[in-house]
Amino acid sequence: MAMDIDELIEYYSYAQPSLKDTYRESMPPQEKLYGHYTNSSGSGLLIPLSGKACYTLNGTPYELKPGIILHAGAYMNLDKEIISDQTWHYVVVHYNIAEQDTALFPCYDSHFLIETGINAKIANYGEQLNRIEHTYGKLSSLQLRTLFAALLEEIVTSAIRYQQRDDEKIVADAVNFIHENYTKGITIGQLAEFYAIDIKRFSYLFQKNVGVPALAYLTRLRINHAKRLLQTSSYTVAEIAESVGYHDSYYFSRLFKKQTGHSPTGFAMLDAKKSITG
């Protein structure tokens, strides 16, 4: 079940949760694990980073992917099944509330989904918490408290936005996500899947609101980034292709020439010649 937004706001506003610990894990495609249990001494938030999985808590299955956070109470029966061909990466953030408050906030010991939509900030906060927790220093405790509060706030505000989303908001969020992740090999099909929209409708909405097709927009960002790297770095064409989201350097070279009229090597030589001649 998905969590009621008003109840979620009330819970995190008044329960005063405190961070317990965090960890980051990965599972290979198609792996299955049965007969496990959740943390025995605190509730937790599972933040998907990539891939898809089905987690079953006390007999209730939940399909998880980036943009859908799972909340679980302590010591619940847990089965895991990776349901995609992509490695499942995720962060778990455990927390506690005051023992005397657990009866006031049944959410604490419950399992439910929080639908936030794709939000790079949430993933980044989760990974930062995990990293800083293992960094010793006088500031680390303060940083952890601050980051945990920021994470909860971002989860709640994102859940509100997701519930109130409309076509324009979906596209605006997609554009933001593209700008933050275009170097990671994302595809338009994956974007449509993230937003639970048919790819044809997603493409229609994107072009309607942005003015250019989604694939053309993504390609332009990548090619412009590649141009800058060709002008300012000594990377090979293969390295540049990889750094802007293309794992096939030959495909990248063909696409680059189609977009610019020059091969990547030719573009770099032309730019160097312009610099010499002034």
C-alpha atoms as a PDB file:
ATOM      1  CA  MET A   1       0.000   0.000   0.000  1.00  0.00           C
ATOM      2  CA  ALA A   2       1.037   3.602  -0.575  1.00  0.00           C
ATOM      3  CA  MET A   3       1.209   5.909   2.408  1.00  0.00           C
ATOM      4  CA  ASP A   4      -1.359   8.684   2.858  1.00  0.00           C
ATOM      5  CA  ILE A   5       0.510  11.961   2.416  1.00  0.00           C
ATOM      6  CA  ASP A   6      -1.181  13.817   5.284  1.00  0.00           C
ATOM      7  CA  GLU A   7      -0.418  10.956   7.651  1.00  0.00           C
ATOM      8  CA  LEU A   8       3.183  10.886   6.455  1.00  0.00           C
ATOM      9  CA  ILE A   9       3.584  14.621   7.067  1.00  0.00           C
ATOM     10  CA  GLU A  10       2.154  14.326  10.577  1.00  0.00           C
ATOM     11  CA  TYR A  11       4.336  11.328  11.367  1.00  0.00           C
ATOM     12  CA  TYR A  12       7.679  12.821  10.379  1.00  0.00           C
ATOM     13  CA  SER A  13       6.763  16.246  11.768  1.00  0.00           C
ATOM     14  CA  TYR A  14       5.916  15.071  15.276  1.00  0.00           C
ATOM     15  CA  ALA A  15       7.564  11.677  15.851  1.00  0.00           C
ATOM     16  CA  GLN A  16      11.082  13.178  15.943  1.00  0.00           C
ATOM     17  CA  PRO A  17      12.878  10.235  14.316  1.00  0.00           C
ATOM     18  CA  SER A  18      16.600   9.847  14.981  1.00  0.00           C
ATOM     19  CA  LEU A  19      19.099   8.178  12.672  1.00  0.00           C
ATOM     20  CA  LYS A  20      20.322   4.739  13.768  1.00  0.00           C
ATOM     21  CA  ASP A  21      22.542   3.532  10.917  1.00  0.00           C
ATOM     22  CA  THR A  22      22.742   3.136   7.147  1.00  0.00           C
ATOM     23  CA  TYR A  23      24.121   0.717   4.614  1.00  0.00           C
ATOM     24  CA  ARG A  24      24.410   0.433   0.843  1.00  0.00           C
ATOM     25  CA  GLU A  25      23.952  -2.927  -0.877  1.00  0.00           C
ATOM     26  CA  SER A  26      23.796  -4.495  -4.337  1.00  0.00           C
ATOM     27  CA  MET A  27      22.223  -7.701  -5.637  1.00  0.00           C
ATOM     28  CA  PRO A  28      22.809  -9.254  -9.066  1.00  0.00           C
ATOM     29  CA  PRO A  29      20.007  -9.652 -11.621  1.00  0.00           C
ATOM     30  CA  GLN A  30      17.463 -12.426 -10.961  1.00  0.00           C
ATOM     31  CA  GLU A  31      18.798 -13.246  -7.476  1.00  0.00           C
ATOM     32  CA  LYS A  32      16.267 -14.466  -4.899  1.00  0.00           C
ATOM     33  CA  LEU A  33      16.608 -14.503  -1.110  1.00  0.00           C
ATOM     34  CA  TYR A  34      13.987 -16.006   1.176  1.00  0.00           C
ATOM     35  CA  GLY A  35      13.486 -16.303   4.909  1.00  0.00           C
ATOM     36  CA  HIS A  36      15.188 -13.100   5.963  1.00  0.00           C
ATOM     37  CA  TYR A  37      14.069 -10.488   8.501  1.00  0.00           C
ATOM     38  CA  THR A  38      14.240  -6.723   8.685  1.00  0.00           C
ATOM     39  CA  ASN A  39      16.367  -4.952  11.297  1.00  0.00           C
ATOM     40  CA  SER A  40      15.520  -6.131  14.806  1.00  0.00           C
ATOM     41  CA  SER A  41      15.825  -2.809  16.615  1.00  0.00           C
ATOM     42  CA  GLY A  42      14.454  -0.041  14.426  1.00  0.00           C
ATOM     43  CA  SER A  43      12.406   0.861  11.393  1.00  0.00           C
ATOM     44  CA  GLY A  44      13.929   1.622   8.030  1.00  0.00           C
ATOM     45  CA  LEU A  45      13.600   3.353   4.686  1.00  0.00           C
ATOM     46  CA  LEU A  46      14.839   1.524   1.604  1.00  0.00           C
ATOM     47  CA  ILE A  47      15.856   3.936  -1.168  1.00  0.00           C
ATOM     48  CA  PRO A  48      16.253   2.268  -4.589  1.00  0.00           C
ATOM     49  CA  LEU A  49      19.179   3.560  -6.664  1.00  0.00           C
ATOM     50  CA  SER A  50      18.875   1.380  -9.766  1.00  0.00           C
ATOM     51  CA  GLY A  51      17.233  -1.808 -10.965  1.00  0.00           C
ATOM     52  CA  LYS A  52      13.955  -3.395  -9.890  1.00  0.00           C
ATOM     53  CA  ALA A  53      13.078  -5.744  -7.073  1.00  0.00           C
ATOM     54  CA  CYS A  54      10.090  -7.311  -5.370  1.00  0.00           C
ATOM     55  CA  TYR A  55      10.262  -7.296  -1.577  1.00  0.00           C
ATOM     56  CA  THR A  56       7.658  -9.250   0.372  1.00  0.00           C
ATOM     57  CA  LEU A  57       7.107  -8.079   3.952  1.00  0.00           C
ATOM     58  CA  ASN A  58       4.966 -10.285   6.194  1.00  0.00           C
ATOM     59  CA  GLY A  59       3.319 -11.723   3.082  1.00  0.00           C
ATOM     60  CA  THR A  60       2.700  -8.396   1.288  1.00  0.00           C
ATOM     61  CA  PRO A  61       4.651  -7.945  -1.979  1.00  0.00           C
ATOM     62  CA  TYR A  62       6.033  -4.547  -3.018  1.00  0.00           C
ATOM     63  CA  GLU A  63       7.556  -3.824  -6.420  1.00  0.00           C
ATOM     64  CA  LEU A  64      10.436  -1.394  -5.999  1.00  0.00           C
ATOM     65  CA  LYS A  65      12.407   0.814  -8.373  1.00  0.00           C
ATOM     66  CA  PRO A  66      13.900   4.326  -8.244  1.00  0.00           C
ATOM     67  CA  GLY A  67      11.179   6.762  -7.215  1.00  0.00           C
ATOM     68  CA  ILE A  68       9.431   4.301  -4.875  1.00  0.00           C
ATOM     69  CA  ILE A  69      10.683   4.102  -1.281  1.00  0.00           C
ATOM     70  CA  LEU A  70       9.827   1.197   1.005  1.00  0.00           C
ATOM     71  CA  HIS A  71       9.241   1.698   4.731  1.00  0.00           C
ATOM     72  CA  ALA A  72       9.477  -1.332   7.007  1.00  0.00           C
ATOM     73  CA  GLY A  73       9.106  -1.911  10.717  1.00  0.00           C
ATOM     74  CA  ALA A  74      11.416  -3.975  12.883  1.00  0.00           C
ATOM     75  CA  TYR A  75      11.799  -7.754  12.607  1.00  0.00           C
ATOM     76  CA  MET A  76       9.424  -8.353   9.715  1.00  0.00           C
ATOM     77  CA  ASN A  77       9.547 -11.452   7.521  1.00  0.00           C
ATOM     78  CA  LEU A  78      11.392 -10.470   4.356  1.00  0.00           C
ATOM     79  CA  ASP A  79      11.801 -12.131   0.966  1.00  0.00           C
ATOM     80  CA  LYS A  80      13.692 -10.477  -1.898  1.00  0.00           C
ATOM     81  CA  GLU A  81      13.549 -11.120  -5.628  1.00  0.00           C
ATOM     82  CA  ILE A  82      15.413  -9.089  -8.264  1.00  0.00           C
ATOM     83  CA  ILE A  83      13.036  -8.740 -11.213  1.00  0.00           C
ATOM     84  CA  SER A  84      15.155  -7.003 -13.835  1.00  0.00           C
ATOM     85  CA  ASP A  85      18.307  -7.676 -15.830  1.00  0.00           C
ATOM     86  CA  GLN A  86      19.967  -4.755 -14.066  1.00  0.00           C
ATOM     87  CA  THR A  87      21.911  -4.952 -10.813  1.00  0.00           C
ATOM     88  CA  TRP A  88      19.786  -3.887  -7.861  1.00  0.00           C
ATOM     89  CA  HIS A  89      21.482  -1.055  -5.928  1.00  0.00           C
ATOM     90  CA  TYR A  90      19.895   0.473  -2.851  1.00  0.00           C
ATOM     91  CA  VAL A  91      20.493   2.309   0.411  1.00  0.00           C
ATOM     92  CA  VAL A  92      18.767   1.453   3.683  1.00  0.00           C
ATOM     93  CA  VAL A  93      18.421   4.100   6.392  1.00  0.00           C
ATOM     94  CA  HIS A  94      17.453   2.780   9.832  1.00  0.00           C
ATOM     95  CA  TYR A  95      15.962   5.083  12.438  1.00  0.00           C
ATOM     96  CA  ASN A  96      14.237   5.082  15.818  1.00  0.00           C
ATOM     97  CA  ILE A  97      11.626   7.139  17.599  1.00  0.00           C
ATOM     98  CA  ALA A  98      11.152   7.430  21.361  1.00  0.00           C
ATOM     99  CA  GLU A  99       9.795   4.172  22.784  1.00  0.00           C
ATOM    100  CA  GLN A 100       6.906   5.951  24.495  1.00  0.00           C
ATOM    101  CA  ASP A 101       5.810   7.374  21.133  1.00  0.00           C
ATOM    102  CA  THR A 102       5.512   4.109  19.213  1.00  0.00           C
ATOM    103  CA  ALA A 103       1.869   3.663  20.257  1.00  0.00           C
ATOM    104  CA  LEU A 104       1.068   7.198  19.068  1.00  0.00           C
ATOM    105  CA  PHE A 105       2.596   6.601  15.641  1.00  0.00           C
ATOM    106  CA  PRO A 106       1.609   3.200  14.224  1.00  0.00           C
ATOM    107  CA  CYS A 107       3.481   4.116  11.016  1.00  0.00           C
ATOM    108  CA  TYR A 108       6.712   3.332  12.822  1.00  0.00           C
ATOM    109  CA  ASP A 109       5.997  -0.404  12.978  1.00  0.00           C
ATOM    110  CA  SER A 110       4.235  -0.592   9.603  1.00  0.00           C
ATOM    111  CA  HIS A 111       5.274  -1.483   6.075  1.00  0.00           C
ATOM    112  CA  PHE A 112       4.192   0.789   3.222  1.00  0.00           C
ATOM    113  CA  LEU A 113       5.365   2.543   0.077  1.00  0.00           C
ATOM    114  CA  ILE A 114       6.209   6.222  -0.342  1.00  0.00           C
ATOM    115  CA  GLU A 115       5.929   7.252  -3.979  1.00  0.00           C
ATOM    116  CA  THR A 116       8.199  10.221  -4.619  1.00  0.00           C
ATOM    117  CA  GLY A 117       8.951   9.931  -8.316  1.00  0.00           C
ATOM    118  CA  ILE A 118      12.528  10.066  -9.526  1.00  0.00           C
ATOM    119  CA  ASN A 119      14.488  12.490  -7.362  1.00  0.00           C
ATOM    120  CA  ALA A 120      18.281  12.606  -7.516  1.00  0.00           C
ATOM    121  CA  LYS A 121      18.430  14.521  -4.209  1.00  0.00           C
ATOM    122  CA  ILE A 122      16.875  11.638  -2.288  1.00  0.00           C
ATOM    123  CA  ALA A 123      19.352   9.140  -3.718  1.00  0.00           C
ATOM    124  CA  ASN A 124      22.250  11.521  -3.077  1.00  0.00           C
ATOM    125  CA  TYR A 125      21.189  12.144   0.533  1.00  0.00           C
ATOM    126  CA  GLY A 126      20.998   8.400   1.135  1.00  0.00           C
ATOM    127  CA  GLU A 127      24.464   7.799  -0.292  1.00  0.00           C
ATOM    128  CA  GLN A 128      25.933  10.765   1.595  1.00  0.00           C
ATOM    129  CA  LEU A 129      24.513   9.450   4.866  1.00  0.00           C
ATOM    130  CA  ASN A 130      26.116   6.082   4.244  1.00  0.00           C
ATOM    131  CA  ARG A 131      29.455   7.668   3.352  1.00  0.00           C
ATOM    132  CA  ILE A 132      29.596  10.126   6.263  1.00  0.00           C
ATOM    133  CA  GLU A 133      28.540   7.487   8.789  1.00  0.00           C
ATOM    134  CA  HIS A 134      31.826   5.735   8.094  1.00  0.00           C
ATOM    135  CA  THR A 135      33.835   8.967   8.301  1.00  0.00           C
ATOM    136  CA  TYR A 136      35.190   9.750  11.734  1.00  0.00           C
ATOM    137  CA  GLY A 137      35.442  13.343  12.867  1.00  0.00           C
ATOM    138  CA  LYS A 138      33.984  15.954  15.161  1.00  0.00           C
ATOM    139  CA  LEU A 139      31.551  17.181  12.523  1.00  0.00           C
ATOM    140  CA  SER A 140      30.284  13.813  11.327  1.00  0.00           C
ATOM    141  CA  SER A 141      27.561  13.459  13.995  1.00  0.00           C
ATOM    142  CA  LEU A 142      26.184  16.930  13.248  1.00  0.00           C
ATOM    143  CA  GLN A 143      26.374  16.305   9.511  1.00  0.00           C
ATOM    144  CA  LEU A 144      24.464  13.045   9.886  1.00  0.00           C
ATOM    145  CA  ARG A 145      21.638  14.689  11.839  1.00  0.00           C
ATOM    146  CA  THR A 146      21.422  17.525   9.320  1.00  0.00           C
ATOM    147  CA  LEU A 147      21.448  15.200   6.312  1.00  0.00           C
ATOM    148  CA  PHE A 148      18.880  12.853   7.837  1.00  0.00           C
ATOM    149  CA  ALA A 149      16.510  15.770   8.445  1.00  0.00           C
ATOM    150  CA  ALA A 150      17.088  16.969   4.876  1.00  0.00           C
ATOM    151  CA  LEU A 151      16.379  13.468   3.555  1.00  0.00           C
ATOM    152  CA  LEU A 152      13.063  13.210   5.394  1.00  0.00           C
ATOM    153  CA  GLU A 153      12.028  16.683   4.240  1.00  0.00           C
ATOM    154  CA  GLU A 154      12.888  15.864   0.630  1.00  0.00           C
ATOM    155  CA  ILE A 155      10.985  12.567   0.803  1.00  0.00           C
ATOM    156  CA  VAL A 156       7.866  14.283   2.142  1.00  0.00           C
ATOM    157  CA  THR A 157       7.953  17.223  -0.280  1.00  0.00           C
ATOM    158  CA  SER A 158       8.630  14.880  -3.200  1.00  0.00           C
ATOM    159  CA  ALA A 159       5.723  12.655  -2.175  1.00  0.00           C
ATOM    160  CA  ILE A 160       3.463  15.720  -2.105  1.00  0.00           C
ATOM    161  CA  ARG A 161       4.636  16.804  -5.552  1.00  0.00           C
ATOM    162  CA  TYR A 162       4.207  13.305  -6.906  1.00  0.00           C
ATOM    163  CA  GLN A 163       0.638  13.082  -5.678  1.00  0.00           C
ATOM    164  CA  GLN A 164      -0.204  16.454  -7.179  1.00  0.00           C
ATOM    165  CA  ARG A 165       1.685  15.895 -10.403  1.00  0.00           C
ATOM    166  CA  ASP A 166       0.242  16.701 -13.803  1.00  0.00           C
ATOM    167  CA  ASP A 167       1.642  16.435 -17.287  1.00  0.00           C
ATOM    168  CA  GLU A 168       3.685  19.642 -17.093  1.00  0.00           C
ATOM    169  CA  LYS A 169       5.200  18.681 -13.758  1.00  0.00           C
ATOM    170  CA  ILE A 170       6.123  15.233 -15.015  1.00  0.00           C
ATOM    171  CA  VAL A 171       7.922  16.710 -18.016  1.00  0.00           C
ATOM    172  CA  ALA A 172       9.656  19.370 -15.903  1.00  0.00           C
ATOM    173  CA  ASP A 173      10.864  16.691 -13.513  1.00  0.00           C
ATOM    174  CA  ALA A 174      11.996  14.552 -16.453  1.00  0.00           C
ATOM    175  CA  VAL A 175      13.978  17.456 -17.918  1.00  0.00           C
ATOM    176  CA  ASN A 176      15.667  18.007 -14.561  1.00  0.00           C
ATOM    177  CA  PHE A 177      16.418  14.300 -14.271  1.00  0.00           C
ATOM    178  CA  ILE A 178      17.884  14.238 -17.796  1.00  0.00           C
ATOM    179  CA  HIS A 179      20.191  17.164 -16.984  1.00  0.00           C
ATOM    180  CA  GLU A 180      21.416  15.452 -13.819  1.00  0.00           C
ATOM    181  CA  ASN A 181      21.812  11.967 -15.312  1.00  0.00           C
ATOM    182  CA  TYR A 182      22.391  12.207 -19.073  1.00  0.00           C
ATOM    183  CA  THR A 183      25.974  10.970 -18.648  1.00  0.00           C
ATOM    184  CA  LYS A 184      24.767   7.678 -17.130  1.00  0.00           C
ATOM    185  CA  GLY A 185      23.373   5.973 -20.226  1.00  0.00           C
ATOM    186  CA  ILE A 186      19.685   6.567 -19.480  1.00  0.00           C
ATOM    187  CA  THR A 187      17.166   5.962 -22.272  1.00  0.00           C
ATOM    188  CA  ILE A 188      13.798   7.509 -23.082  1.00  0.00           C
ATOM    189  CA  GLY A 189      12.210   4.121 -22.484  1.00  0.00           C
ATOM    190  CA  GLN A 190      13.617   4.049 -18.957  1.00  0.00           C
ATOM    191  CA  LEU A 191      12.335   7.561 -18.292  1.00  0.00           C
ATOM    192  CA  ALA A 192       8.842   6.609 -19.436  1.00  0.00           C
ATOM    193  CA  GLU A 193       9.004   3.513 -17.250  1.00  0.00           C
ATOM    194  CA  PHE A 194      10.125   5.562 -14.238  1.00  0.00           C
ATOM    195  CA  TYR A 195       7.040   7.748 -14.580  1.00  0.00           C
ATOM    196  CA  ALA A 196       4.757   4.774 -15.293  1.00  0.00           C
ATOM    197  CA  ILE A 197       3.743   6.252 -18.653  1.00  0.00           C
ATOM    198  CA  ASP A 198       3.573   4.553 -22.033  1.00  0.00           C
ATOM    199  CA  ILE A 199       6.632   5.609 -24.059  1.00  0.00           C
ATOM    200  CA  LYS A 200       4.494   7.038 -26.873  1.00  0.00           C
ATOM    201  CA  ARG A 201       2.552   9.208 -24.444  1.00  0.00           C
ATOM    202  CA  PHE A 202       5.727  10.266 -22.641  1.00  0.00           C
ATOM    203  CA  SER A 203       7.295  11.281 -25.958  1.00  0.00           C
ATOM    204  CA  TYR A 204       4.149  13.191 -26.905  1.00  0.00           C
ATOM    205  CA  LEU A 205       4.029  15.033 -23.561  1.00  0.00           C
ATOM    206  CA  PHE A 206       7.726  15.874 -23.733  1.00  0.00           C
ATOM    207  CA  GLN A 207       7.559  17.341 -27.226  1.00  0.00           C
ATOM    208  CA  LYS A 208       4.336  19.187 -26.409  1.00  0.00           C
ATOM    209  CA  ASN A 209       5.848  20.881 -23.344  1.00  0.00           C
ATOM    210  CA  VAL A 210       9.504  21.265 -24.372  1.00  0.00           C
ATOM    211  CA  GLY A 211       9.155  21.772 -28.107  1.00  0.00           C
ATOM    212  CA  VAL A 212      11.586  19.061 -29.218  1.00  0.00           C
ATOM    213  CA  PRO A 213      11.443  15.254 -29.043  1.00  0.00           C
ATOM    214  CA  ALA A 214      12.819  13.737 -25.850  1.00  0.00           C
ATOM    215  CA  LEU A 215      15.484  11.738 -27.688  1.00  0.00           C
ATOM    216  CA  ALA A 216      16.647  14.826 -29.599  1.00  0.00           C
ATOM    217  CA  TYR A 217      16.859  16.776 -26.323  1.00  0.00           C
ATOM    218  CA  LEU A 218      18.902  14.042 -24.640  1.00  0.00           C
ATOM    219  CA  THR A 219      21.161  13.647 -27.677  1.00  0.00           C
ATOM    220  CA  ARG A 220      21.823  17.389 -27.882  1.00  0.00           C
ATOM    221  CA  LEU A 221      22.924  17.505 -24.235  1.00  0.00           C
ATOM    222  CA  ARG A 222      25.291  14.602 -24.755  1.00  0.00           C
ATOM    223  CA  ILE A 223      26.786  15.906 -27.994  1.00  0.00           C
ATOM    224  CA  ASN A 224      27.300  19.402 -26.535  1.00  0.00           C
ATOM    225  CA  HIS A 225      29.079  17.871 -23.552  1.00  0.00           C
ATOM    226  CA  ALA A 226      31.196  15.783 -25.906  1.00  0.00           C
ATOM    227  CA  LYS A 227      32.139  18.933 -27.842  1.00  0.00           C
ATOM    228  CA  ARG A 228      33.354  20.594 -24.660  1.00  0.00           C
ATOM    229  CA  LEU A 229      35.429  17.543 -23.746  1.00  0.00           C
ATOM    230  CA  LEU A 230      36.948  17.389 -27.229  1.00  0.00           C
ATOM    231  CA  GLN A 231      37.905  21.060 -26.909  1.00  0.00           C
ATOM    232  CA  THR A 232      39.259  20.992 -23.369  1.00  0.00           C
ATOM    233  CA  SER A 233      40.506  17.481 -22.560  1.00  0.00           C
ATOM    234  CA  SER A 234      42.907  14.857 -23.848  1.00  0.00           C
ATOM    235  CA  TYR A 235      40.434  11.976 -23.478  1.00  0.00           C
ATOM    236  CA  THR A 236      40.148   9.411 -26.250  1.00  0.00           C
ATOM    237  CA  VAL A 237      36.968   9.222 -28.326  1.00  0.00           C
ATOM    238  CA  ALA A 238      36.010   6.011 -26.511  1.00  0.00           C
ATOM    239  CA  GLU A 239      36.480   7.677 -23.113  1.00  0.00           C
ATOM    240  CA  ILE A 240      34.415  10.685 -24.163  1.00  0.00           C
ATOM    241  CA  ALA A 241      31.671   8.443 -25.530  1.00  0.00           C
ATOM    242  CA  GLU A 242      31.500   6.586 -22.210  1.00  0.00           C
ATOM    243  CA  SER A 243      31.530   9.812 -20.186  1.00  0.00           C
ATOM    244  CA  VAL A 244      28.477  11.214 -21.998  1.00  0.00           C
ATOM    245  CA  GLY A 245      26.386   8.056 -21.785  1.00  0.00           C
ATOM    246  CA  TYR A 246      27.316   6.021 -24.877  1.00  0.00           C
ATOM    247  CA  HIS A 247      28.920   2.634 -24.293  1.00  0.00           C
ATOM    248  CA  ASP A 248      29.436   2.039 -28.029  1.00  0.00           C
ATOM    249  CA  SER A 249      32.081   4.479 -29.303  1.00  0.00           C
ATOM    250  CA  TYR A 250      31.349   3.629 -32.958  1.00  0.00           C
ATOM    251  CA  TYR A 251      27.686   4.489 -32.535  1.00  0.00           C
ATOM    252  CA  PHE A 252      28.720   7.678 -30.727  1.00  0.00           C
ATOM    253  CA  SER A 253      31.047   8.667 -33.585  1.00  0.00           C
ATOM    254  CA  ARG A 254      28.316   8.151 -36.191  1.00  0.00           C
ATOM    255  CA  LEU A 255      25.831  10.126 -34.128  1.00  0.00           C
ATOM    256  CA  PHE A 256      28.350  12.913 -33.488  1.00  0.00           C
ATOM    257  CA  LYS A 257      29.019  13.273 -37.217  1.00  0.00           C
ATOM    258  CA  LYS A 258      25.308  13.285 -37.985  1.00  0.00           C
ATOM    259  CA  GLN A 259      24.748  16.075 -35.444  1.00  0.00           C
ATOM    260  CA  THR A 260      27.800  18.236 -36.193  1.00  0.00           C
ATOM    261  CA  GLY A 261      28.952  17.327 -39.688  1.00  0.00           C
ATOM    262  CA  HIS A 262      32.338  16.229 -38.327  1.00  0.00           C
ATOM    263  CA  SER A 263      33.725  13.089 -36.763  1.00  0.00           C
ATOM    264  CA  PRO A 264      34.842  13.550 -33.130  1.00  0.00           C
ATOM    265  CA  THR A 265      38.493  13.448 -34.221  1.00  0.00           C
ATOM    266  CA  GLY A 266      37.829  15.863 -37.071  1.00  0.00           C
ATOM    267  CA  PHE A 267      35.992  18.233 -34.743  1.00  0.00           C
ATOM    268  CA  ALA A 268      38.917  18.233 -32.296  1.00  0.00           C
ATOM    269  CA  MET A 269      41.420  18.901 -35.090  1.00  0.00           C
ATOM    270  CA  LEU A 270      39.253  21.689 -36.502  1.00  0.00           C
ATOM    271  CA  ASP A 271      38.994  23.325 -33.079  1.00  0.00           C
ATOM    272  CA  ALA A 272      42.755  23.023 -32.563  1.00  0.00           C
ATOM    273  CA  LYS A 273      43.379  24.616 -35.960  1.00  0.00           C
ATOM    274  CA  LYS A 274      41.091  27.532 -35.106  1.00  0.00           C
ATOM    275  CA  SER A 275      42.985  28.059 -31.849  1.00  0.00           C
ATOM    276  CA  ILE A 276      46.334  28.168 -33.672  1.00  0.00           C
ATOM    277  CA  THR A 277      45.180  30.549 -36.384  1.00  0.00           C
ATOM    278  CA  GLY A 278      43.419  32.773 -33.876  1.00  0.00           C
END
